[in-house]
């Protein structure tokens, strides 16, 4: 198994832990969109307790990548995703972003 496949498999496992049955093609597309950062220990994780981190997620992924600018929708997606992952200490960015994509119904960005 390649390093990429290993990271995607771990993200799929984490998604199952939070009750999400991931579409493998979409999960792989989200992972590819993150480039080599998915292999870096710090960059590959998201902290819901860090407001600066959540702002980076909003600016760099939700607004720039997904094209969503509605602050109400952004807040709802971030709050809902953080809530879904509250029992997970080390939230994988790929899994976190996957849930945001689904919450905002932006799968078409990756197809």
C-alpha atoms as a PDB file:
ATOM      1  CA  UNK A   1       0.000   0.000   0.000  1.00  0.00           C
ATOM      2  CA  UNK A   2       1.334   3.436  -0.914  1.00  0.00           C
ATOM      3  CA  UNK A   3       1.802   6.178   1.655  1.00  0.00           C
ATOM      4  CA  UNK A   4      -1.135   8.045   0.084  1.00  0.00           C
ATOM      5  CA  UNK A   5      -3.375   4.960   0.293  1.00  0.00           C
ATOM      6  CA  UNK A   6      -2.384   4.502   3.937  1.00  0.00           C
ATOM      7  CA  UNK A   7      -3.345   8.082   4.848  1.00  0.00           C
ATOM      8  CA  UNK A   8      -6.668   7.805   2.984  1.00  0.00           C
ATOM      9  CA  UNK A   9      -7.428   4.486   4.734  1.00  0.00           C
ATOM     10  CA  UNK A  10      -6.733   6.069   8.148  1.00  0.00           C
ATOM     11  CA  UNK A  11      -9.031   8.963   7.287  1.00  0.00           C
ATOM     12  CA  UNK A  12     -11.774   6.528   6.234  1.00  0.00           C
ATOM     13  CA  UNK A  13     -11.365   4.717   9.575  1.00  0.00           C
ATOM     14  CA  UNK A  14     -11.664   7.999  11.461  1.00  0.00           C
ATOM     15  CA  UNK A  15     -14.780   8.897   9.496  1.00  0.00           C
ATOM     16  CA  UNK A  16     -16.342   5.536  10.424  1.00  0.00           C
ATOM     17  CA  UNK A  17     -15.665   6.340  14.098  1.00  0.00           C
ATOM     18  CA  UNK A  18     -17.785   9.474  13.767  1.00  0.00           C
ATOM     19  CA  UNK A  19     -20.539   7.671  11.874  1.00  0.00           C
ATOM     20  CA  UNK A  20     -19.657   8.686   8.313  1.00  0.00           C
ATOM     21  CA  UNK A  21     -19.431   6.074   5.576  1.00  0.00           C
ATOM     22  CA  UNK A  22     -17.071   7.801   3.135  1.00  0.00           C
ATOM     23  CA  UNK A  23     -17.230   7.791  -0.641  1.00  0.00           C
ATOM     24  CA  UNK A  24     -13.708   6.629  -1.505  1.00  0.00           C
ATOM     25  CA  UNK A  25     -13.441   8.704  -4.690  1.00  0.00           C
ATOM     26  CA  UNK A  26     -14.460  11.918  -2.930  1.00  0.00           C
ATOM     27  CA  UNK A  27     -12.185  11.178   0.032  1.00  0.00           C
ATOM     28  CA  UNK A  28      -9.238  10.628  -2.331  1.00  0.00           C
ATOM     29  CA  UNK A  29     -10.031  13.861  -4.195  1.00  0.00           C
ATOM     30  CA  UNK A  30     -10.145  15.826  -0.926  1.00  0.00           C
ATOM     31  CA  UNK A  31      -6.834  14.239   0.104  1.00  0.00           C
ATOM     32  CA  UNK A  32      -5.184  15.086  -3.229  1.00  0.00           C
ATOM     33  CA  UNK A  33      -6.341  18.693  -2.918  1.00  0.00           C
ATOM     34  CA  UNK A  34      -4.264  19.027   0.257  1.00  0.00           C
ATOM     35  CA  UNK A  35      -0.991  18.100  -1.429  1.00  0.00           C
ATOM     36  CA  UNK A  36       2.007  16.961   0.609  1.00  0.00           C
ATOM     37  CA  UNK A  37       0.671  18.544   3.824  1.00  0.00           C
ATOM     38  CA  UNK A  38      -1.266  15.334   4.503  1.00  0.00           C
ATOM     39  CA  UNK A  39       2.033  13.680   5.437  1.00  0.00           C
ATOM     40  CA  UNK A  40       3.201  16.367   7.885  1.00  0.00           C
ATOM     41  CA  UNK A  41       2.382  15.646  11.536  1.00  0.00           C
ATOM     42  CA  UNK A  42       1.099  19.118  12.438  1.00  0.00           C
ATOM     43  CA  UNK A  43      -0.371  20.208   9.107  1.00  0.00           C
ATOM     44  CA  UNK A  44      -2.341  16.982   8.714  1.00  0.00           C
ATOM     45  CA  UNK A  45      -4.441  17.698  11.827  1.00  0.00           C
ATOM     46  CA  UNK A  46      -7.179  20.191  12.709  1.00  0.00           C
ATOM     47  CA  UNK A  47      -7.793  21.636  16.168  1.00  0.00           C
ATOM     48  CA  UNK A  48     -11.337  22.779  16.896  1.00  0.00           C
ATOM     49  CA  UNK A  49     -10.074  24.460  20.071  1.00  0.00           C
ATOM     50  CA  UNK A  50      -7.821  26.833  18.127  1.00  0.00           C
ATOM     51  CA  UNK A  51      -9.689  29.820  16.702  1.00  0.00           C
ATOM     52  CA  UNK A  52      -6.763  30.704  14.412  1.00  0.00           C
ATOM     53  CA  UNK A  53      -6.828  27.183  12.981  1.00  0.00           C
ATOM     54  CA  UNK A  54     -10.571  27.334  12.338  1.00  0.00           C
ATOM     55  CA  UNK A  55     -10.123  30.708  10.644  1.00  0.00           C
ATOM     56  CA  UNK A  56      -7.457  29.142   8.394  1.00  0.00           C
ATOM     57  CA  UNK A  57      -9.872  26.311   7.540  1.00  0.00           C
ATOM     58  CA  UNK A  58     -12.518  28.891   6.725  1.00  0.00           C
ATOM     59  CA  UNK A  59     -10.273  31.141   4.630  1.00  0.00           C
ATOM     60  CA  UNK A  60      -8.121  28.584   2.842  1.00  0.00           C
ATOM     61  CA  UNK A  61     -10.535  25.715   2.339  1.00  0.00           C
ATOM     62  CA  UNK A  62     -14.146  26.795   2.698  1.00  0.00           C
ATOM     63  CA  UNK A  63     -13.861  30.192   0.993  1.00  0.00           C
ATOM     64  CA  UNK A  64     -10.949  29.712  -1.437  1.00  0.00           C
ATOM     65  CA  UNK A  65     -11.388  26.050  -2.380  1.00  0.00           C
ATOM     66  CA  UNK A  66     -15.133  25.509  -1.977  1.00  0.00           C
ATOM     67  CA  UNK A  67     -16.218  29.047  -2.876  1.00  0.00           C
ATOM     68  CA  UNK A  68     -18.598  29.429   0.083  1.00  0.00           C
ATOM     69  CA  UNK A  69     -18.878  32.950   1.490  1.00  0.00           C
ATOM     70  CA  UNK A  70     -22.150  32.750   3.464  1.00  0.00           C
ATOM     71  CA  UNK A  71     -20.978  33.251   7.060  1.00  0.00           C
ATOM     72  CA  UNK A  72     -24.040  31.479   8.462  1.00  0.00           C
ATOM     73  CA  UNK A  73     -23.375  28.386   6.360  1.00  0.00           C
ATOM     74  CA  UNK A  74     -19.662  28.466   7.212  1.00  0.00           C
ATOM     75  CA  UNK A  75     -20.321  28.715  10.947  1.00  0.00           C
ATOM     76  CA  UNK A  76     -22.920  25.937  10.803  1.00  0.00           C
ATOM     77  CA  UNK A  77     -20.545  23.658   8.864  1.00  0.00           C
ATOM     78  CA  UNK A  78     -17.589  24.305  11.197  1.00  0.00           C
ATOM     79  CA  UNK A  79     -19.677  23.927  14.364  1.00  0.00           C
ATOM     80  CA  UNK A  80     -21.350  20.769  13.075  1.00  0.00           C
ATOM     81  CA  UNK A  81     -18.073  19.221  11.975  1.00  0.00           C
ATOM     82  CA  UNK A  82     -16.311  20.060  15.249  1.00  0.00           C
ATOM     83  CA  UNK A  83     -19.253  18.584  17.134  1.00  0.00           C
ATOM     84  CA  UNK A  84     -19.137  15.400  15.053  1.00  0.00           C
ATOM     85  CA  UNK A  85     -15.406  15.006  15.799  1.00  0.00           C
ATOM     86  CA  UNK A  86     -15.569  16.018  19.485  1.00  0.00           C
ATOM     87  CA  UNK A  87     -14.603  12.535  20.705  1.00  0.00           C
ATOM     88  CA  UNK A  88     -11.555  12.418  18.393  1.00  0.00           C
ATOM     89  CA  UNK A  89      -8.403  13.995  19.819  1.00  0.00           C
ATOM     90  CA  UNK A  90      -6.318  13.968  16.628  1.00  0.00           C
ATOM     91  CA  UNK A  91      -8.715  15.112  13.908  1.00  0.00           C
ATOM     92  CA  UNK A  92      -7.293  14.267  10.499  1.00  0.00           C
ATOM     93  CA  UNK A  93      -7.569  17.236   8.156  1.00  0.00           C
ATOM     94  CA  UNK A  94      -8.668  14.991   5.269  1.00  0.00           C
ATOM     95  CA  UNK A  95     -11.532  13.497   7.286  1.00  0.00           C
ATOM     96  CA  UNK A  96     -12.491  16.897   8.721  1.00  0.00           C
ATOM     97  CA  UNK A  97     -12.543  18.504   5.277  1.00  0.00           C
ATOM     98  CA  UNK A  98     -14.527  15.574   3.859  1.00  0.00           C
ATOM     99  CA  UNK A  99     -17.307  16.216   6.384  1.00  0.00           C
ATOM    100  CA  UNK A 100     -17.255  19.949   5.612  1.00  0.00           C
ATOM    101  CA  UNK A 101     -17.600  19.200   1.888  1.00  0.00           C
ATOM    102  CA  UNK A 102     -20.605  16.978   2.611  1.00  0.00           C
ATOM    103  CA  UNK A 103     -22.144  19.499   5.057  1.00  0.00           C
ATOM    104  CA  UNK A 104     -21.905  22.275   2.473  1.00  0.00           C
ATOM    105  CA  UNK A 105     -22.954  19.981  -0.398  1.00  0.00           C
ATOM    106  CA  UNK A 106     -19.867  20.936  -2.399  1.00  0.00           C
ATOM    107  CA  UNK A 107     -18.963  17.501  -3.758  1.00  0.00           C
ATOM    108  CA  UNK A 108     -19.077  18.930  -7.289  1.00  0.00           C
ATOM    109  CA  UNK A 109     -15.863  20.888  -6.588  1.00  0.00           C
ATOM    110  CA  UNK A 110     -14.014  17.540  -6.555  1.00  0.00           C
ATOM    111  CA  UNK A 111     -15.717  15.769  -9.467  1.00  0.00           C
END
